[in-house]
């Protein structure tokens, strides 16, 4: 059994008490927060890009991530088996 971080446990308890609609809305807000951070990172790395070009780069990165996941490049690793 995995140990759950106390903060994660609190979040899980909070999420269980929410309606499905509220959880969906929370997921959308999380996506928007991550999206905004990614866009800011792209702008910081490439300040010469227009807003449209930043959006294109964002979509390119998401597409690459999706392709990597589909090819099983990443896999779940048991945290207890990490090399130190």
PDB file of N, CA and C in Angstrom:
ATOM      1  N   UNK A   1       0.843  -1.180   0.000  1.00  0.00           N
ATOM      2  CA  UNK A   1       0.000   0.000   0.000  1.00  0.00           C
ATOM      3  C   UNK A   1       0.885   1.238   0.000  1.00  0.00           C
ATOM      4  N   UNK A   2       0.475   2.268  -0.756  1.00  0.00           N
ATOM      5  CA  UNK A   2       1.242   3.491  -0.852  1.00  0.00           C
ATOM      6  C   UNK A   2       0.903   4.425   0.306  1.00  0.00           C
ATOM      7  N   UNK A   3       1.905   5.142   0.755  1.00  0.00           N
ATOM      8  CA  UNK A   3       1.686   6.169   1.773  1.00  0.00           C
ATOM      9  C   UNK A   3       1.116   7.391   1.068  1.00  0.00           C
ATOM     10  N   UNK A   4       0.117   8.015   1.649  1.00  0.00           N
ATOM     11  CA  UNK A   4      -0.478   9.199   1.051  1.00  0.00           C
ATOM     12  C   UNK A   4      -0.023  10.413   1.848  1.00  0.00           C
ATOM     13  N   UNK A   5       0.498  11.391   1.135  1.00  0.00           N
ATOM     14  CA  UNK A   5       0.905  12.652   1.731  1.00  0.00           C
ATOM     15  C   UNK A   5      -0.314  13.268   2.420  1.00  0.00           C
ATOM     16  N   UNK A   6      -0.157  13.829   3.619  1.00  0.00           N
ATOM     17  CA  UNK A   6      -1.317  14.417   4.321  1.00  0.00           C
ATOM     18  C   UNK A   6      -2.065  15.459   3.488  1.00  0.00           C
ATOM     19  N   UNK A   7      -1.347  16.259   2.708  1.00  0.00           N
ATOM     20  CA  UNK A   7      -2.003  17.260   1.869  1.00  0.00           C
ATOM     21  C   UNK A   7      -2.832  16.571   0.796  1.00  0.00           C
ATOM     22  N   UNK A   8      -2.272  15.529   0.182  1.00  0.00           N
ATOM     23  CA  UNK A   8      -3.010  14.790  -0.840  1.00  0.00           C
ATOM     24  C   UNK A   8      -4.240  14.120  -0.242  1.00  0.00           C
ATOM     25  N   UNK A   9      -4.101  13.616   0.969  1.00  0.00           N
ATOM     26  CA  UNK A   9      -5.240  12.978   1.636  1.00  0.00           C
ATOM     27  C   UNK A   9      -6.358  13.988   1.847  1.00  0.00           C
ATOM     28  N   UNK A  10      -5.998  15.197   2.286  1.00  0.00           N
ATOM     29  CA  UNK A  10      -7.000  16.246   2.478  1.00  0.00           C
ATOM     30  C   UNK A  10      -7.685  16.603   1.164  1.00  0.00           C
ATOM     31  N   UNK A  11      -6.898  16.671   0.087  1.00  0.00           N
ATOM     32  CA  UNK A  11      -7.476  16.986  -1.224  1.00  0.00           C
ATOM     33  C   UNK A  11      -8.430  15.880  -1.665  1.00  0.00           C
ATOM     34  N   UNK A  12      -8.057  14.634  -1.405  1.00  0.00           N
ATOM     35  CA  UNK A  12      -8.912  13.509  -1.792  1.00  0.00           C
ATOM     36  C   UNK A  12     -10.223  13.543  -1.011  1.00  0.00           C
ATOM     37  N   UNK A  13     -10.135  13.831   0.263  1.00  0.00           N
ATOM     38  CA  UNK A  13     -11.346  13.916   1.091  1.00  0.00           C
ATOM     39  C   UNK A  13     -12.235  15.044   0.595  1.00  0.00           C
ATOM     40  N   UNK A  14     -11.620  16.181   0.291  1.00  0.00           N
ATOM     41  CA  UNK A  14     -12.378  17.320  -0.222  1.00  0.00           C
ATOM     42  C   UNK A  14     -13.043  16.968  -1.551  1.00  0.00           C
ATOM     43  N   UNK A  15     -12.317  16.320  -2.441  1.00  0.00           N
ATOM     44  CA  UNK A  15     -12.863  15.973  -3.752  1.00  0.00           C
ATOM     45  C   UNK A  15     -14.025  14.993  -3.624  1.00  0.00           C
ATOM     46  N   UNK A  16     -13.930  14.058  -2.696  1.00  0.00           N
ATOM     47  CA  UNK A  16     -15.012  13.086  -2.515  1.00  0.00           C
ATOM     48  C   UNK A  16     -16.302  13.744  -2.060  1.00  0.00           C
ATOM     49  N   UNK A  17     -16.175  14.875  -1.368  1.00  0.00           N
ATOM     50  CA  UNK A  17     -17.371  15.552  -0.867  1.00  0.00           C
ATOM     51  C   UNK A  17     -17.989  16.483  -1.907  1.00  0.00           C
ATOM     52  N   UNK A  18     -17.336  16.645  -3.045  1.00  0.00           N
ATOM     53  CA  UNK A  18     -17.834  17.542  -4.085  1.00  0.00           C
ATOM     54  C   UNK A  18     -18.777  16.804  -5.031  1.00  0.00           C
ATOM     55  N   UNK A  19     -19.635  17.573  -5.668  1.00  0.00           N
ATOM     56  CA  UNK A  19     -20.507  16.994  -6.685  1.00  0.00           C
ATOM     57  C   UNK A  19     -19.663  16.700  -7.931  1.00  0.00           C
ATOM     58  N   UNK A  20     -20.129  15.821  -8.800  1.00  0.00           N
ATOM     59  CA  UNK A  20     -19.387  15.581 -10.050  1.00  0.00           C
ATOM     60  C   UNK A  20     -19.169  16.863 -10.855  1.00  0.00           C
ATOM     61  N   UNK A  21     -20.160  17.736 -10.879  1.00  0.00           N
ATOM     62  CA  UNK A  21     -20.025  18.995 -11.622  1.00  0.00           C
ATOM     63  C   UNK A  21     -18.924  19.872 -11.008  1.00  0.00           C
ATOM     64  N   UNK A  22     -18.863  19.907  -9.688  1.00  0.00           N
ATOM     65  CA  UNK A  22     -17.835  20.700  -9.018  1.00  0.00           C
ATOM     66  C   UNK A  22     -16.439  20.129  -9.278  1.00  0.00           C
ATOM     67  N   UNK A  23     -16.326  18.793  -9.281  1.00  0.00           N
ATOM     68  CA  UNK A  23     -15.028  18.168  -9.588  1.00  0.00           C
ATOM     69  C   UNK A  23     -14.615  18.460 -11.025  1.00  0.00           C
ATOM     70  N   UNK A  24     -15.574  18.420 -11.952  1.00  0.00           N
ATOM     71  CA  UNK A  24     -15.290  18.736 -13.348  1.00  0.00           C
ATOM     72  C   UNK A  24     -14.794  20.174 -13.462  1.00  0.00           C
ATOM     73  N   UNK A  25     -15.480  21.089 -12.800  1.00  0.00           N
ATOM     74  CA  UNK A  25     -15.094  22.505 -12.831  1.00  0.00           C
ATOM     75  C   UNK A  25     -13.698  22.688 -12.234  1.00  0.00           C
ATOM     76  N   UNK A  26     -13.418  21.990 -11.154  1.00  0.00           N
ATOM     77  CA  UNK A  26     -12.108  22.064 -10.518  1.00  0.00           C
ATOM     78  C   UNK A  26     -11.019  21.558 -11.475  1.00  0.00           C
ATOM     79  N   UNK A  27     -11.302  20.477 -12.199  1.00  0.00           N
ATOM     80  CA  UNK A  27     -10.357  19.952 -13.173  1.00  0.00           C
ATOM     81  C   UNK A  27     -10.103  20.943 -14.294  1.00  0.00           C
ATOM     82  N   UNK A  28     -11.154  21.617 -14.747  1.00  0.00           N
ATOM     83  CA  UNK A  28     -11.010  22.622 -15.783  1.00  0.00           C
ATOM     84  C   UNK A  28     -10.134  23.776 -15.297  1.00  0.00           C
ATOM     85  N   UNK A  29     -10.363  24.224 -14.066  1.00  0.00           N
ATOM     86  CA  UNK A  29      -9.554  25.315 -13.496  1.00  0.00           C
ATOM     87  C   UNK A  29      -8.089  24.901 -13.380  1.00  0.00           C
ATOM     88  N   UNK A  30      -7.841  23.648 -13.006  1.00  0.00           N
ATOM     89  CA  UNK A  30      -6.473  23.154 -12.917  1.00  0.00           C
ATOM     90  C   UNK A  30      -5.817  23.156 -14.289  1.00  0.00           C
ATOM     91  N   UNK A  31      -6.548  22.695 -15.319  1.00  0.00           N
ATOM     92  CA  UNK A  31      -6.010  22.706 -16.674  1.00  0.00           C
ATOM     93  C   UNK A  31      -5.671  24.131 -17.100  1.00  0.00           C
ATOM     94  N   UNK A  32      -6.564  25.080 -16.844  1.00  0.00           N
ATOM     95  CA  UNK A  32      -6.320  26.473 -17.230  1.00  0.00           C
ATOM     96  C   UNK A  32      -5.091  27.044 -16.515  1.00  0.00           C
ATOM     97  N   UNK A  33      -4.911  26.692 -15.238  1.00  0.00           N
ATOM     98  CA  UNK A  33      -3.749  27.166 -14.494  1.00  0.00           C
ATOM     99  C   UNK A  33      -2.459  26.620 -15.110  1.00  0.00           C
ATOM    100  N   UNK A  34      -2.436  25.332 -15.421  1.00  0.00           N
ATOM    101  CA  UNK A  34      -1.253  24.714 -16.023  1.00  0.00           C
ATOM    102  C   UNK A  34      -1.020  25.281 -17.415  1.00  0.00           C
ATOM    103  N   UNK A  35      -2.083  25.455 -18.176  1.00  0.00           N
ATOM    104  CA  UNK A  35      -1.968  26.024 -19.522  1.00  0.00           C
ATOM    105  C   UNK A  35      -1.334  27.412 -19.461  1.00  0.00           C
ATOM    106  N   UNK A  36      -1.817  28.255 -18.559  1.00  0.00           N
ATOM    107  CA  UNK A  36      -1.275  29.609 -18.437  1.00  0.00           C
ATOM    108  C   UNK A  36       0.197  29.591 -18.057  1.00  0.00           C
ATOM    109  N   UNK A  37       0.581  28.678 -17.184  1.00  0.00           N
ATOM    110  CA  UNK A  37       2.000  28.560 -16.811  1.00  0.00           C
ATOM    111  C   UNK A  37       2.846  28.093 -17.992  1.00  0.00           C
ATOM    112  N   UNK A  38       2.314  27.139 -18.747  1.00  0.00           N
ATOM    113  CA  UNK A  38       3.055  26.667 -19.922  1.00  0.00           C
ATOM    114  C   UNK A  38       3.203  27.787 -20.946  1.00  0.00           C
ATOM    115  N   UNK A  39       2.140  28.545 -21.179  1.00  0.00           N
ATOM    116  CA  UNK A  39       2.215  29.658 -22.124  1.00  0.00           C
ATOM    117  C   UNK A  39       3.238  30.689 -21.663  1.00  0.00           C
ATOM    118  N   UNK A  40       3.257  30.978 -20.366  1.00  0.00           N
ATOM    119  CA  UNK A  40       4.237  31.928 -19.823  1.00  0.00           C
ATOM    120  C   UNK A  40       5.652  31.409 -20.018  1.00  0.00           C
ATOM    121  N   UNK A  41       5.851  30.112 -19.842  1.00  0.00           N
ATOM    122  CA  UNK A  41       7.167  29.508 -20.045  1.00  0.00           C
ATOM    123  C   UNK A  41       7.610  29.593 -21.494  1.00  0.00           C
ATOM    124  N   UNK A  42       6.678  29.354 -22.405  1.00  0.00           N
ATOM    125  CA  UNK A  42       6.998  29.454 -23.835  1.00  0.00           C
ATOM    126  C   UNK A  42       7.371  30.889 -24.172  1.00  0.00           C
ATOM    127  N   UNK A  43       6.603  31.846 -23.655  1.00  0.00           N
ATOM    128  CA  UNK A  43       6.903  33.268 -23.913  1.00  0.00           C
ATOM    129  C   UNK A  43       8.264  33.659 -23.339  1.00  0.00           C
ATOM    130  N   UNK A  44       8.589  33.134 -22.164  1.00  0.00           N
ATOM    131  CA  UNK A  44       9.878  33.461 -21.535  1.00  0.00           C
ATOM    132  C   UNK A  44      11.043  32.897 -22.342  1.00  0.00           C
ATOM    133  N   UNK A  45      10.867  31.689 -22.884  1.00  0.00           N
ATOM    134  CA  UNK A  45      11.933  31.064 -23.680  1.00  0.00           C
ATOM    135  C   UNK A  45      12.051  31.671 -25.069  1.00  0.00           C
ATOM    136  N   UNK A  46      10.930  32.131 -25.598  1.00  0.00           N
ATOM    137  CA  UNK A  46      10.910  32.640 -26.982  1.00  0.00           C
ATOM    138  C   UNK A  46      10.102  33.937 -27.045  1.00  0.00           C
ATOM    139  N   UNK A  47      10.639  35.024 -26.515  1.00  0.00           N
ATOM    140  CA  UNK A  47       9.872  36.285 -26.470  1.00  0.00           C
ATOM    141  C   UNK A  47       9.541  36.862 -27.845  1.00  0.00           C
ATOM    142  N   UNK A  48      10.215  36.390 -28.879  1.00  0.00           N
ATOM    143  CA  UNK A  48       9.959  36.901 -30.225  1.00  0.00           C
ATOM    144  C   UNK A  48       8.692  36.341 -30.846  1.00  0.00           C
ATOM    145  N   UNK A  49       8.110  35.303 -30.244  1.00  0.00           N
ATOM    146  CA  UNK A  49       6.913  34.678 -30.805  1.00  0.00           C
ATOM    147  C   UNK A  49       5.673  35.541 -30.590  1.00  0.00           C
ATOM    148  N   UNK A  50       4.809  35.553 -31.589  1.00  0.00           N
ATOM    149  CA  UNK A  50       3.516  36.231 -31.454  1.00  0.00           C
ATOM    150  C   UNK A  50       2.602  35.375 -30.577  1.00  0.00           C
ATOM    151  N   UNK A  51       1.471  35.931 -30.179  1.00  0.00           N
ATOM    152  CA  UNK A  51       0.511  35.156 -29.378  1.00  0.00           C
ATOM    153  C   UNK A  51       0.039  33.915 -30.135  1.00  0.00           C
ATOM    154  N   UNK A  52      -0.198  34.056 -31.432  1.00  0.00           N
ATOM    155  CA  UNK A  52      -0.621  32.900 -32.232  1.00  0.00           C
ATOM    156  C   UNK A  52       0.475  31.841 -32.281  1.00  0.00           C
ATOM    157  N   UNK A  53       1.730  32.268 -32.412  1.00  0.00           N
ATOM    158  CA  UNK A  53       2.845  31.318 -32.467  1.00  0.00           C
ATOM    159  C   UNK A  53       3.049  30.628 -31.117  1.00  0.00           C
ATOM    160  N   UNK A  54       2.813  31.356 -30.028  1.00  0.00           N
ATOM    161  CA  UNK A  54       2.906  30.750 -28.691  1.00  0.00           C
ATOM    162  C   UNK A  54       1.839  29.671 -28.559  1.00  0.00           C
ATOM    163  N   UNK A  55       0.635  29.948 -29.032  1.00  0.00           N
ATOM    164  CA  UNK A  55      -0.451  28.966 -28.974  1.00  0.00           C
ATOM    165  C   UNK A  55      -0.117  27.737 -29.828  1.00  0.00           C
ATOM    166  N   UNK A  56       0.462  27.955 -30.991  1.00  0.00           N
ATOM    167  CA  UNK A  56       0.867  26.848 -31.860  1.00  0.00           C
ATOM    168  C   UNK A  56       1.921  25.988 -31.168  1.00  0.00           C
ATOM    169  N   UNK A  57       2.888  26.626 -30.512  1.00  0.00           N
ATOM    170  CA  UNK A  57       3.933  25.884 -29.791  1.00  0.00           C
ATOM    171  C   UNK A  57       3.327  25.098 -28.630  1.00  0.00           C
ATOM    172  N   UNK A  58       2.386  25.692 -27.929  1.00  0.00           N
ATOM    173  CA  UNK A  58       1.696  25.008 -26.827  1.00  0.00           C
ATOM    174  C   UNK A  58       1.015  23.743 -27.346  1.00  0.00           C
ATOM    175  N   UNK A  59       0.308  23.861 -28.446  1.00  0.00           N
ATOM    176  CA  UNK A  59      -0.382  22.701 -29.017  1.00  0.00           C
ATOM    177  C   UNK A  59       0.609  21.648 -29.504  1.00  0.00           C
ATOM    178  N   UNK A  60       1.757  22.095 -30.030  1.00  0.00           N
ATOM    179  CA  UNK A  60       2.792  21.158 -30.478  1.00  0.00           C
ATOM    180  C   UNK A  60       3.324  20.358 -29.293  1.00  0.00           C
ATOM    181  N   UNK A  61       3.553  21.037 -28.169  1.00  0.00           N
ATOM    182  CA  UNK A  61       4.058  20.368 -26.969  1.00  0.00           C
ATOM    183  C   UNK A  61       3.027  19.352 -26.462  1.00  0.00           C
ATOM    184  N   UNK A  62       1.756  19.750 -26.420  1.00  0.00           N
ATOM    185  CA  UNK A  62       0.712  18.813 -25.978  1.00  0.00           C
ATOM    186  C   UNK A  62       0.637  17.597 -26.891  1.00  0.00           C
ATOM    187  N   UNK A  63       0.769  17.833 -28.202  1.00  0.00           N
ATOM    188  CA  UNK A  63       0.724  16.724 -29.152  1.00  0.00           C
ATOM    189  C   UNK A  63       1.885  15.762 -28.917  1.00  0.00           C
ATOM    190  N   UNK A  64       3.082  16.303 -28.684  1.00  0.00           N
ATOM    191  CA  UNK A  64       4.246  15.454 -28.404  1.00  0.00           C
ATOM    192  C   UNK A  64       4.037  14.639 -27.131  1.00  0.00           C
ATOM    193  N   UNK A  65       3.514  15.277 -26.101  1.00  0.00           N
ATOM    194  CA  UNK A  65       3.262  14.561 -24.846  1.00  0.00           C
ATOM    195  C   UNK A  65       2.257  13.437 -25.053  1.00  0.00           C
ATOM    196  N   UNK A  66       1.214  13.718 -25.803  1.00  0.00           N
ATOM    197  CA  UNK A  66       0.200  12.693 -26.069  1.00  0.00           C
ATOM    198  C   UNK A  66       0.802  11.530 -26.863  1.00  0.00           C
ATOM    199  N   UNK A  67       1.638  11.846 -27.854  1.00  0.00           N
ATOM    200  CA  UNK A  67       2.283  10.797 -28.640  1.00  0.00           C
ATOM    201  C   UNK A  67       3.206   9.946 -27.781  1.00  0.00           C
ATOM    202  N   UNK A  68       3.936  10.574 -26.868  1.00  0.00           N
ATOM    203  CA  UNK A  68       4.821   9.824 -25.987  1.00  0.00           C
ATOM    204  C   UNK A  68       4.027   8.896 -25.086  1.00  0.00           C
ATOM    205  N   UNK A  69       2.913   9.381 -24.560  1.00  0.00           N
ATOM    206  CA  UNK A  69       2.077   8.543 -23.708  1.00  0.00           C
ATOM    207  C   UNK A  69       1.490   7.376 -24.493  1.00  0.00           C
ATOM    208  N   UNK A  70       1.075   7.640 -25.726  1.00  0.00           N
ATOM    209  CA  UNK A  70       0.487   6.581 -26.547  1.00  0.00           C
ATOM    210  C   UNK A  70       1.502   5.501 -26.901  1.00  0.00           C
ATOM    211  N   UNK A  71       2.763   5.860 -26.975  1.00  0.00           N
ATOM    212  CA  UNK A  71       3.817   4.895 -27.297  1.00  0.00           C
ATOM    213  C   UNK A  71       4.383   4.233 -26.041  1.00  0.00           C
ATOM    214  N   UNK A  72       3.792   4.543 -24.893  1.00  0.00           N
ATOM    215  CA  UNK A  72       4.227   3.972 -23.610  1.00  0.00           C
ATOM    216  C   UNK A  72       5.691   4.269 -23.303  1.00  0.00           C
ATOM    217  N   UNK A  73       6.129   5.457 -23.693  1.00  0.00           N
ATOM    218  CA  UNK A  73       7.506   5.840 -23.373  1.00  0.00           C
ATOM    219  C   UNK A  73       7.648   5.994 -21.862  1.00  0.00           C
ATOM    220  N   UNK A  74       6.599   6.514 -21.252  1.00  0.00           N
ATOM    221  CA  UNK A  74       6.627   6.685 -19.805  1.00  0.00           C
ATOM    222  C   UNK A  74       5.877   5.534 -19.166  1.00  0.00           C
ATOM    223  N   UNK A  75       6.302   5.146 -18.010  1.00  0.00           N
ATOM    224  CA  UNK A  75       5.590   4.097 -17.295  1.00  0.00           C
ATOM    225  C   UNK A  75       5.582   4.455 -15.815  1.00  0.00           C
ATOM    226  N   UNK A  76       4.615   3.935 -15.118  1.00  0.00           N
ATOM    227  CA  UNK A  76       4.494   4.173 -13.687  1.00  0.00           C
ATOM    228  C   UNK A  76       5.588   3.405 -12.969  1.00  0.00           C
ATOM    229  N   UNK A  77       6.271   4.076 -12.061  1.00  0.00           N
ATOM    230  CA  UNK A  77       7.351   3.456 -11.310  1.00  0.00           C
ATOM    231  C   UNK A  77       6.978   3.500  -9.837  1.00  0.00           C
ATOM    232  N   UNK A  78       7.130   2.389  -9.192  1.00  0.00           N
ATOM    233  CA  UNK A  78       6.864   2.303  -7.752  1.00  0.00           C
ATOM    234  C   UNK A  78       7.914   3.155  -7.045  1.00  0.00           C
ATOM    235  N   UNK A  79       7.453   4.117  -6.248  1.00  0.00           N
ATOM    236  CA  UNK A  79       8.373   5.056  -5.580  1.00  0.00           C
ATOM    237  C   UNK A  79       9.302   4.344  -4.609  1.00  0.00           C
ATOM    238  N   UNK A  80       8.933   3.146  -4.182  1.00  0.00           N
ATOM    239  CA  UNK A  80       9.797   2.413  -3.255  1.00  0.00           C
ATOM    240  C   UNK A  80      10.976   1.785  -3.957  1.00  0.00           C
ATOM    241  N   UNK A  81      10.951   1.721  -5.292  1.00  0.00           N
ATOM    242  CA  UNK A  81      12.028   1.057  -6.004  1.00  0.00           C
ATOM    243  C   UNK A  81      13.024   2.057  -6.624  1.00  0.00           C
ATOM    244  N   UNK A  82      12.941   3.329  -6.208  1.00  0.00           N
ATOM    245  CA  UNK A  82      13.842   4.332  -6.751  1.00  0.00           C
ATOM    246  C   UNK A  82      15.281   4.050  -6.355  1.00  0.00           C
ATOM    247  N   UNK A  83      16.178   4.337  -7.272  1.00  0.00           N
ATOM    248  CA  UNK A  83      17.616   4.219  -6.981  1.00  0.00           C
ATOM    249  C   UNK A  83      18.055   5.481  -6.282  1.00  0.00           C
ATOM    250  N   UNK A  84      18.863   5.366  -5.314  1.00  0.00           N
ATOM    251  CA  UNK A  84      19.330   6.537  -4.568  1.00  0.00           C
ATOM    252  C   UNK A  84      20.775   6.776  -4.846  1.00  0.00           C
TER     253      UNK A  84
END
